[in-house]
Amino acid sequence: TCDCHFHADYGTCSHSMTLQRLLDQMLPSELR
């Protein structure tokens, strides 16, 4: 989740994707 408007509309955003990329190997596969 993210508190930005784009995430509220689309379920993803640059902010959440940033963390997905940074943490890639440490996330369960379904959250990568």
PDB file of all heavy atoms in Angstrom:
ATOM      1  N   THR A   1       0.855  -1.186   0.000  1.00  0.00           N
ATOM      2  CA  THR A   1       0.000   0.000   0.000  1.00  0.00           C
ATOM      3  C   THR A   1       0.891   1.237   0.000  1.00  0.00           C
ATOM      4  O   THR A   1       2.035   1.191   0.458  1.00  0.00           O
ATOM      5  CB  THR A   1      -0.945   0.066   1.215  1.00  0.00           C
ATOM      6  OG1 THR A   1      -0.153   0.093   2.414  1.00  0.00           O
ATOM      7  CG2 THR A   1      -1.894  -1.114   1.248  1.00  0.00           C
ATOM      8  N   CYS A   2       0.352   2.311  -0.529  1.00  0.00           N
ATOM      9  CA  CYS A   2       1.041   3.603  -0.506  1.00  0.00           C
ATOM     10  C   CYS A   2      -0.024   4.668  -0.331  1.00  0.00           C
ATOM     11  O   CYS A   2      -1.158   4.504  -0.800  1.00  0.00           O
ATOM     12  CB  CYS A   2       1.807   3.820  -1.815  1.00  0.00           C
ATOM     13  SG  CYS A   2       2.695   5.409  -1.864  1.00  0.00           S
ATOM     14  N   ASP A   3       0.337   5.749   0.321  1.00  0.00           N
ATOM     15  CA  ASP A   3      -0.639   6.803   0.561  1.00  0.00           C
ATOM     16  C   ASP A   3      -0.775   7.793  -0.598  1.00  0.00           C
ATOM     17  O   ASP A   3      -1.507   8.771  -0.498  1.00  0.00           O
ATOM     18  CB  ASP A   3      -0.336   7.546   1.868  1.00  0.00           C
ATOM     19  CG  ASP A   3       1.004   8.268   1.856  1.00  0.00           C
ATOM     20  OD1 ASP A   3       1.712   8.237   0.822  1.00  0.00           O
ATOM     21  OD2 ASP A   3       1.356   8.862   2.899  1.00  0.00           O
ATOM     22  N   CYS A   4      -0.138   7.508  -1.749  1.00  0.00           N
ATOM     23  CA  CYS A   4      -0.275   8.417  -2.888  1.00  0.00           C
ATOM     24  C   CYS A   4      -1.567   8.131  -3.654  1.00  0.00           C
ATOM     25  O   CYS A   4      -2.140   7.048  -3.556  1.00  0.00           O
ATOM     26  CB  CYS A   4       0.939   8.315  -3.823  1.00  0.00           C
ATOM     27  SG  CYS A   4       1.001   6.843  -4.852  1.00  0.00           S
ATOM     28  N   HIS A   5      -1.998   9.120  -4.424  1.00  0.00           N
ATOM     29  CA  HIS A   5      -3.249   8.993  -5.177  1.00  0.00           C
ATOM     30  C   HIS A   5      -3.160   7.947  -6.283  1.00  0.00           C
ATOM     31  O   HIS A   5      -4.127   7.252  -6.563  1.00  0.00           O
ATOM     32  CB  HIS A   5      -3.655  10.352  -5.768  1.00  0.00           C
ATOM     33  CG  HIS A   5      -3.951  11.382  -4.726  1.00  0.00           C
ATOM     34  ND1 HIS A   5      -5.044  11.285  -3.891  1.00  0.00           N
ATOM     35  CD2 HIS A   5      -3.287  12.506  -4.372  1.00  0.00           C
ATOM     36  CE1 HIS A   5      -5.046  12.315  -3.062  1.00  0.00           C
ATOM     37  NE2 HIS A   5      -3.987  13.071  -3.328  1.00  0.00           N
ATOM     38  N   PHE A   6      -2.000   7.828  -6.915  1.00  0.00           N
ATOM     39  CA  PHE A   6      -1.856   6.878  -8.024  1.00  0.00           C
ATOM     40  C   PHE A   6      -2.081   5.452  -7.524  1.00  0.00           C
ATOM     41  O   PHE A   6      -2.770   4.670  -8.170  1.00  0.00           O
ATOM     42  CB  PHE A   6      -0.469   7.014  -8.669  1.00  0.00           C
ATOM     43  CG  PHE A   6      -0.363   6.297  -9.985  1.00  0.00           C
ATOM     44  CD1 PHE A   6      -0.677   6.949 -11.168  1.00  0.00           C
ATOM     45  CD2 PHE A   6       0.054   4.978 -10.047  1.00  0.00           C
ATOM     46  CE1 PHE A   6      -0.588   6.296 -12.391  1.00  0.00           C
ATOM     47  CE2 PHE A   6       0.151   4.316 -11.263  1.00  0.00           C
ATOM     48  CZ  PHE A   6      -0.173   4.971 -12.436  1.00  0.00           C
ATOM     49  N   HIS A   7      -1.513   5.126  -6.375  1.00  0.00           N
ATOM     50  CA  HIS A   7      -1.682   3.777  -5.814  1.00  0.00           C
ATOM     51  C   HIS A   7      -3.147   3.498  -5.502  1.00  0.00           C
ATOM     52  O   HIS A   7      -3.641   2.395  -5.731  1.00  0.00           O
ATOM     53  CB  HIS A   7      -0.808   3.587  -4.572  1.00  0.00           C
ATOM     54  CG  HIS A   7      -0.655   2.160  -4.180  1.00  0.00           C
ATOM     55  ND1 HIS A   7      -1.614   1.457  -3.488  1.00  0.00           N
ATOM     56  CD2 HIS A   7       0.344   1.289  -4.423  1.00  0.00           C
ATOM     57  CE1 HIS A   7      -1.205   0.218  -3.297  1.00  0.00           C
ATOM     58  NE2 HIS A   7      -0.023   0.089  -3.859  1.00  0.00           N
ATOM     59  N   ALA A   8      -3.838   4.491  -5.005  1.00  0.00           N
ATOM     60  CA  ALA A   8      -5.261   4.317  -4.683  1.00  0.00           C
ATOM     61  C   ALA A   8      -6.063   3.976  -5.937  1.00  0.00           C
ATOM     62  O   ALA A   8      -7.003   3.178  -5.885  1.00  0.00           O
ATOM     63  CB  ALA A   8      -5.811   5.579  -4.031  1.00  0.00           C
ATOM     64  N   ASP A   9      -5.673   4.537  -7.068  1.00  0.00           N
ATOM     65  CA  ASP A   9      -6.400   4.301  -8.318  1.00  0.00           C
ATOM     66  C   ASP A   9      -5.962   3.029  -9.044  1.00  0.00           C
ATOM     67  O   ASP A   9      -6.774   2.364  -9.676  1.00  0.00           O
ATOM     68  CB  ASP A   9      -6.227   5.488  -9.273  1.00  0.00           C
ATOM     69  CG  ASP A   9      -6.932   6.739  -8.769  1.00  0.00           C
ATOM     70  OD1 ASP A   9      -7.858   6.618  -7.934  1.00  0.00           O
ATOM     71  OD2 ASP A   9      -6.541   7.842  -9.204  1.00  0.00           O
ATOM     72  N   TYR A  10      -4.663   2.698  -8.978  1.00  0.00           N
ATOM     73  CA  TYR A  10      -4.122   1.623  -9.805  1.00  0.00           C
ATOM     74  C   TYR A  10      -3.566   0.423  -9.034  1.00  0.00           C
ATOM     75  O   TYR A  10      -3.186  -0.571  -9.642  1.00  0.00           O
ATOM     76  CB  TYR A  10      -3.034   2.173 -10.733  1.00  0.00           C
ATOM     77  CG  TYR A  10      -3.587   3.163 -11.724  1.00  0.00           C
ATOM     78  CD1 TYR A  10      -3.513   4.531 -11.472  1.00  0.00           C
ATOM     79  CD2 TYR A  10      -4.199   2.739 -12.887  1.00  0.00           C
ATOM     80  CE1 TYR A  10      -4.036   5.448 -12.370  1.00  0.00           C
ATOM     81  CE2 TYR A  10      -4.727   3.640 -13.789  1.00  0.00           C
ATOM     82  CZ  TYR A  10      -4.645   4.987 -13.524  1.00  0.00           C
ATOM     83  OH  TYR A  10      -5.169   5.886 -14.412  1.00  0.00           O
ATOM     84  N   GLY A  11      -3.473   0.525  -7.723  1.00  0.00           N
ATOM     85  CA  GLY A  11      -2.972  -0.589  -6.926  1.00  0.00           C
ATOM     86  C   GLY A  11      -1.470  -0.772  -6.968  1.00  0.00           C
ATOM     87  O   GLY A  11      -0.937  -1.743  -6.424  1.00  0.00           O
ATOM     88  N   THR A  12      -0.778   0.149  -7.609  1.00  0.00           N
ATOM     89  CA  THR A  12       0.681   0.169  -7.632  1.00  0.00           C
ATOM     90  C   THR A  12       1.119   1.601  -7.895  1.00  0.00           C
ATOM     91  O   THR A  12       0.295   2.452  -8.253  1.00  0.00           O
ATOM     92  CB  THR A  12       1.257  -0.784  -8.700  1.00  0.00           C
ATOM     93  OG1 THR A  12       2.661  -0.920  -8.482  1.00  0.00           O
ATOM     94  CG2 THR A  12       0.978  -0.294 -10.113  1.00  0.00           C
ATOM     95  N   CYS A  13       2.387   1.876  -7.688  1.00  0.00           N
ATOM     96  CA  CYS A  13       2.904   3.220  -7.930  1.00  0.00           C
ATOM     97  C   CYS A  13       4.423   3.162  -7.949  1.00  0.00           C
ATOM     98  O   CYS A  13       5.028   2.141  -7.632  1.00  0.00           O
ATOM     99  CB  CYS A  13       2.422   4.194  -6.849  1.00  0.00           C
ATOM    100  SG  CYS A  13       3.026   3.789  -5.200  1.00  0.00           S
ATOM    101  N   SER A  14       5.033   4.279  -8.311  1.00  0.00           N
ATOM    102  CA  SER A  14       6.493   4.318  -8.359  1.00  0.00           C
ATOM    103  C   SER A  14       7.110   4.107  -6.977  1.00  0.00           C
ATOM    104  O   SER A  14       8.214   3.553  -6.864  1.00  0.00           O
ATOM    105  CB  SER A  14       6.976   5.643  -8.949  1.00  0.00           C
ATOM    106  OG  SER A  14       6.512   6.731  -8.180  1.00  0.00           O
ATOM    107  N   HIS A  15       6.400   4.487  -5.935  1.00  0.00           N
ATOM    108  CA  HIS A  15       6.940   4.361  -4.577  1.00  0.00           C
ATOM    109  C   HIS A  15       6.984   2.892  -4.148  1.00  0.00           C
ATOM    110  O   HIS A  15       7.998   2.414  -3.634  1.00  0.00           O
ATOM    111  CB  HIS A  15       6.104   5.194  -3.608  1.00  0.00           C
ATOM    112  CG  HIS A  15       5.819   6.551  -4.132  1.00  0.00           C
ATOM    113  ND1 HIS A  15       4.564   6.935  -4.569  1.00  0.00           N
ATOM    114  CD2 HIS A  15       6.639   7.609  -4.360  1.00  0.00           C
ATOM    115  CE1 HIS A  15       4.620   8.178  -5.010  1.00  0.00           C
ATOM    116  NE2 HIS A  15       5.867   8.610  -4.901  1.00  0.00           N
ATOM    117  N   SER A  16       5.902   2.158  -4.363  1.00  0.00           N
ATOM    118  CA  SER A  16       5.896   0.741  -3.994  1.00  0.00           C
ATOM    119  C   SER A  16       6.819  -0.060  -4.913  1.00  0.00           C
ATOM    120  O   SER A  16       7.511  -0.983  -4.468  1.00  0.00           O
ATOM    121  CB  SER A  16       4.475   0.169  -4.006  1.00  0.00           C
ATOM    122  OG  SER A  16       3.885   0.249  -5.287  1.00  0.00           O
ATOM    123  N   MET A  17       6.874   0.304  -6.197  1.00  0.00           N
ATOM    124  CA  MET A  17       7.778  -0.398  -7.115  1.00  0.00           C
ATOM    125  C   MET A  17       9.241  -0.156  -6.767  1.00  0.00           C
ATOM    126  O   MET A  17      10.087  -1.030  -6.960  1.00  0.00           O
ATOM    127  CB  MET A  17       7.498   0.011  -8.563  1.00  0.00           C
ATOM    128  CG  MET A  17       6.216  -0.595  -9.097  1.00  0.00           C
ATOM    129  SD  MET A  17       5.993  -0.336 -10.861  1.00  0.00           S
ATOM    130  CE  MET A  17       5.280   1.316 -10.872  1.00  0.00           C
ATOM    131  N   THR A  18       9.544   1.020  -6.220  1.00  0.00           N
ATOM    132  CA  THR A  18      10.909   1.300  -5.764  1.00  0.00           C
ATOM    133  C   THR A  18      11.319   0.298  -4.697  1.00  0.00           C
ATOM    134  O   THR A  18      12.404  -0.298  -4.759  1.00  0.00           O
ATOM    135  CB  THR A  18      11.011   2.736  -5.201  1.00  0.00           C
ATOM    136  OG1 THR A  18      10.742   3.653  -6.249  1.00  0.00           O
ATOM    137  CG2 THR A  18      12.373   3.004  -4.597  1.00  0.00           C
ATOM    138  N   LEU A  19      10.456   0.086  -3.721  1.00  0.00           N
ATOM    139  CA  LEU A  19      10.780  -0.862  -2.661  1.00  0.00           C
ATOM    140  C   LEU A  19      10.842  -2.295  -3.177  1.00  0.00           C
ATOM    141  O   LEU A  19      11.695  -3.074  -2.758  1.00  0.00           O
ATOM    142  CB  LEU A  19       9.780  -0.737  -1.514  1.00  0.00           C
ATOM    143  CG  LEU A  19       9.941   0.555  -0.720  1.00  0.00           C
ATOM    144  CD1 LEU A  19       8.831   0.705   0.295  1.00  0.00           C
ATOM    145  CD2 LEU A  19      11.294   0.597  -0.050  1.00  0.00           C
ATOM    146  N   GLN A  20       9.970  -2.649  -4.098  1.00  0.00           N
ATOM    147  CA  GLN A  20      10.022  -3.985  -4.688  1.00  0.00           C
ATOM    148  C   GLN A  20      11.372  -4.217  -5.361  1.00  0.00           C
ATOM    149  O   GLN A  20      11.958  -5.288  -5.217  1.00  0.00           O
ATOM    150  CB  GLN A  20       8.893  -4.176  -5.696  1.00  0.00           C
ATOM    151  CG  GLN A  20       7.534  -4.271  -5.044  1.00  0.00           C
ATOM    152  CD  GLN A  20       6.418  -4.258  -6.063  1.00  0.00           C
ATOM    153  OE1 GLN A  20       6.503  -3.588  -7.093  1.00  0.00           O
ATOM    154  NE2 GLN A  20       5.368  -5.003  -5.788  1.00  0.00           N
ATOM    155  N   ARG A  21      11.853  -3.221  -6.070  1.00  0.00           N
ATOM    156  CA  ARG A  21      13.145  -3.365  -6.748  1.00  0.00           C
ATOM    157  C   ARG A  21      14.299  -3.418  -5.751  1.00  0.00           C
ATOM    158  O   ARG A  21      15.215  -4.212  -5.888  1.00  0.00           O
ATOM    159  CB  ARG A  21      13.359  -2.223  -7.726  1.00  0.00           C
ATOM    160  CG  ARG A  21      12.431  -2.308  -8.942  1.00  0.00           C
ATOM    161  CD  ARG A  21      12.641  -1.123  -9.864  1.00  0.00           C
ATOM    162  NE  ARG A  21      13.965  -1.159 -10.455  1.00  0.00           N
ATOM    163  CZ  ARG A  21      14.222  -1.544 -11.706  1.00  0.00           C
ATOM    164  NH1 ARG A  21      13.244  -1.919 -12.488  1.00  0.00           N
ATOM    165  NH2 ARG A  21      15.449  -1.536 -12.171  1.00  0.00           N
ATOM    166  N   LEU A  22      14.256  -2.559  -4.737  1.00  0.00           N
ATOM    167  CA  LEU A  22      15.335  -2.536  -3.746  1.00  0.00           C
ATOM    168  C   LEU A  22      15.415  -3.828  -2.938  1.00  0.00           C
ATOM    169  O   LEU A  22      16.494  -4.300  -2.602  1.00  0.00           O
ATOM    170  CB  LEU A  22      15.138  -1.364  -2.776  1.00  0.00           C
ATOM    171  CG  LEU A  22      15.471   0.022  -3.293  1.00  0.00           C
ATOM    172  CD1 LEU A  22      15.011   1.063  -2.289  1.00  0.00           C
ATOM    173  CD2 LEU A  22      16.961   0.136  -3.543  1.00  0.00           C
ATOM    174  N   LEU A  23      14.271  -4.389  -2.615  1.00  0.00           N
ATOM    175  CA  LEU A  23      14.205  -5.533  -1.709  1.00  0.00           C
ATOM    176  C   LEU A  23      13.999  -6.868  -2.428  1.00  0.00           C
ATOM    177  O   LEU A  23      13.814  -7.888  -1.776  1.00  0.00           O
ATOM    178  CB  LEU A  23      13.064  -5.318  -0.712  1.00  0.00           C
ATOM    179  CG  LEU A  23      13.142  -4.031   0.094  1.00  0.00           C
ATOM    180  CD1 LEU A  23      11.871  -3.831   0.895  1.00  0.00           C
ATOM    181  CD2 LEU A  23      14.368  -4.030   0.990  1.00  0.00           C
ATOM    182  N   ASP A  24      14.053  -6.859  -3.733  1.00  0.00           N
ATOM    183  CA  ASP A  24      13.678  -7.979  -4.588  1.00  0.00           C
ATOM    184  C   ASP A  24      13.973  -9.354  -4.000  1.00  0.00           C
ATOM    185  O   ASP A  24      13.063 -10.147  -3.773  1.00  0.00           O
ATOM    186  CB  ASP A  24      14.360  -7.826  -5.952  1.00  0.00           C
ATOM    187  CG  ASP A  24      14.011  -8.921  -6.927  1.00  0.00           C
ATOM    188  OD1 ASP A  24      12.834  -9.321  -6.967  1.00  0.00           O
ATOM    189  OD2 ASP A  24      14.912  -9.369  -7.651  1.00  0.00           O
ATOM    190  N   GLN A  25      15.212  -9.680  -3.745  1.00  0.00           N
ATOM    191  CA  GLN A  25      15.583 -11.023  -3.302  1.00  0.00           C
ATOM    192  C   GLN A  25      15.087 -11.359  -1.900  1.00  0.00           C
ATOM    193  O   GLN A  25      15.035 -12.522  -1.533  1.00  0.00           O
ATOM    194  CB  GLN A  25      17.097 -11.192  -3.355  1.00  0.00           C
ATOM    195  CG  GLN A  25      17.647 -11.173  -4.756  1.00  0.00           C
ATOM    196  CD  GLN A  25      19.134 -11.390  -4.741  1.00  0.00           C
ATOM    197  OE1 GLN A  25      19.660 -12.155  -3.949  1.00  0.00           O
ATOM    198  NE2 GLN A  25      19.842 -10.700  -5.624  1.00  0.00           N
ATOM    199  N   MET A  26      14.726 -10.345  -1.131  1.00  0.00           N
ATOM    200  CA  MET A  26      14.284 -10.589   0.239  1.00  0.00           C
ATOM    201  C   MET A  26      12.767 -10.694   0.357  1.00  0.00           C
ATOM    202  O   MET A  26      12.250 -10.893   1.441  1.00  0.00           O
ATOM    203  CB  MET A  26      14.814  -9.488   1.158  1.00  0.00           C
ATOM    204  CG  MET A  26      16.324  -9.519   1.288  1.00  0.00           C
ATOM    205  SD  MET A  26      16.954  -8.208   2.327  1.00  0.00           S
ATOM    206  CE  MET A  26      16.966  -6.860   1.154  1.00  0.00           C
ATOM    207  N   LEU A  27      12.073 -10.567  -0.766  1.00  0.00           N
ATOM    208  CA  LEU A  27      10.615 -10.644  -0.757  1.00  0.00           C
ATOM    209  C   LEU A  27      10.149 -12.021  -1.211  1.00  0.00           C
ATOM    210  O   LEU A  27      10.781 -12.627  -2.079  1.00  0.00           O
ATOM    211  CB  LEU A  27      10.027  -9.594  -1.707  1.00  0.00           C
ATOM    212  CG  LEU A  27      10.257  -8.141  -1.342  1.00  0.00           C
ATOM    213  CD1 LEU A  27       9.816  -7.246  -2.492  1.00  0.00           C
ATOM    214  CD2 LEU A  27       9.515  -7.788  -0.066  1.00  0.00           C
ATOM    215  N   PRO A  28       9.035 -12.492  -0.674  1.00  0.00           N
ATOM    216  CA  PRO A  28       8.448 -13.708  -1.229  1.00  0.00           C
ATOM    217  C   PRO A  28       8.157 -13.481  -2.709  1.00  0.00           C
ATOM    218  O   PRO A  28       7.878 -12.348  -3.130  1.00  0.00           O
ATOM    219  CB  PRO A  28       7.148 -13.878  -0.431  1.00  0.00           C
ATOM    220  CG  PRO A  28       7.311 -13.048   0.797  1.00  0.00           C
ATOM    221  CD  PRO A  28       8.251 -11.937   0.425  1.00  0.00           C
ATOM    222  N   SER A  29       8.226 -14.512  -3.509  1.00  0.00           N
ATOM    223  CA  SER A  29       8.116 -14.358  -4.968  1.00  0.00           C
ATOM    224  C   SER A  29       6.855 -13.615  -5.401  1.00  0.00           C
ATOM    225  O   SER A  29       6.892 -12.837  -6.349  1.00  0.00           O
ATOM    226  CB  SER A  29       8.189 -15.723  -5.652  1.00  0.00           C
ATOM    227  OG  SER A  29       7.145 -16.550  -5.203  1.00  0.00           O
ATOM    228  N   GLU A  30       5.750 -13.805  -4.715  1.00  0.00           N
ATOM    229  CA  GLU A  30       4.506 -13.143  -5.121  1.00  0.00           C
ATOM    230  C   GLU A  30       4.522 -11.638  -4.861  1.00  0.00           C
ATOM    231  O   GLU A  30       3.658 -10.912  -5.357  1.00  0.00           O
ATOM    232  CB  GLU A  30       3.288 -13.785  -4.445  1.00  0.00           C
ATOM    233  CG  GLU A  30       3.250 -13.645  -2.939  1.00  0.00           C
ATOM    234  CD  GLU A  30       3.989 -14.742  -2.182  1.00  0.00           C
ATOM    235  OE1 GLU A  30       4.723 -15.536  -2.801  1.00  0.00           O
ATOM    236  OE2 GLU A  30       3.837 -14.794  -0.942  1.00  0.00           O
ATOM    237  N   LEU A  31       5.484 -11.132  -4.112  1.00  0.00           N
ATOM    238  CA  LEU A  31       5.565  -9.700  -3.824  1.00  0.00           C
ATOM    239  C   LEU A  31       6.693  -9.010  -4.572  1.00  0.00           C
ATOM    240  O   LEU A  31       6.902  -7.814  -4.423  1.00  0.00           O
ATOM    241  CB  LEU A  31       5.745  -9.480  -2.320  1.00  0.00           C
ATOM    242  CG  LEU A  31       4.583  -9.948  -1.458  1.00  0.00           C
ATOM    243  CD1 LEU A  31       4.924  -9.824   0.012  1.00  0.00           C
ATOM    244  CD2 LEU A  31       3.330  -9.174  -1.789  1.00  0.00           C
ATOM    245  N   ARG A  32       7.413  -9.769  -5.375  1.00  0.00           N
ATOM    246  CA  ARG A  32       8.502  -9.193  -6.171  1.00  0.00           C
ATOM    247  C   ARG A  32       7.938  -8.452  -7.378  1.00  0.00           C
ATOM    248  O   ARG A  32       6.799  -8.665  -7.759  1.00  0.00           O
ATOM    249  CB  ARG A  32       9.439 -10.300  -6.629  1.00  0.00           C
ATOM    250  CG  ARG A  32      10.204 -10.909  -5.494  1.00  0.00           C
ATOM    251  CD  ARG A  32      11.133 -11.966  -5.958  1.00  0.00           C
ATOM    252  NE  ARG A  32      11.746 -12.611  -4.811  1.00  0.00           N
ATOM    253  CZ  ARG A  32      12.422 -13.723  -4.878  1.00  0.00           C
ATOM    254  NH1 ARG A  32      12.572 -14.341  -6.033  1.00  0.00           N
ATOM    255  NH2 ARG A  32      12.950 -14.239  -3.783  1.00  0.00           N
TER     256      ARG A  32
END
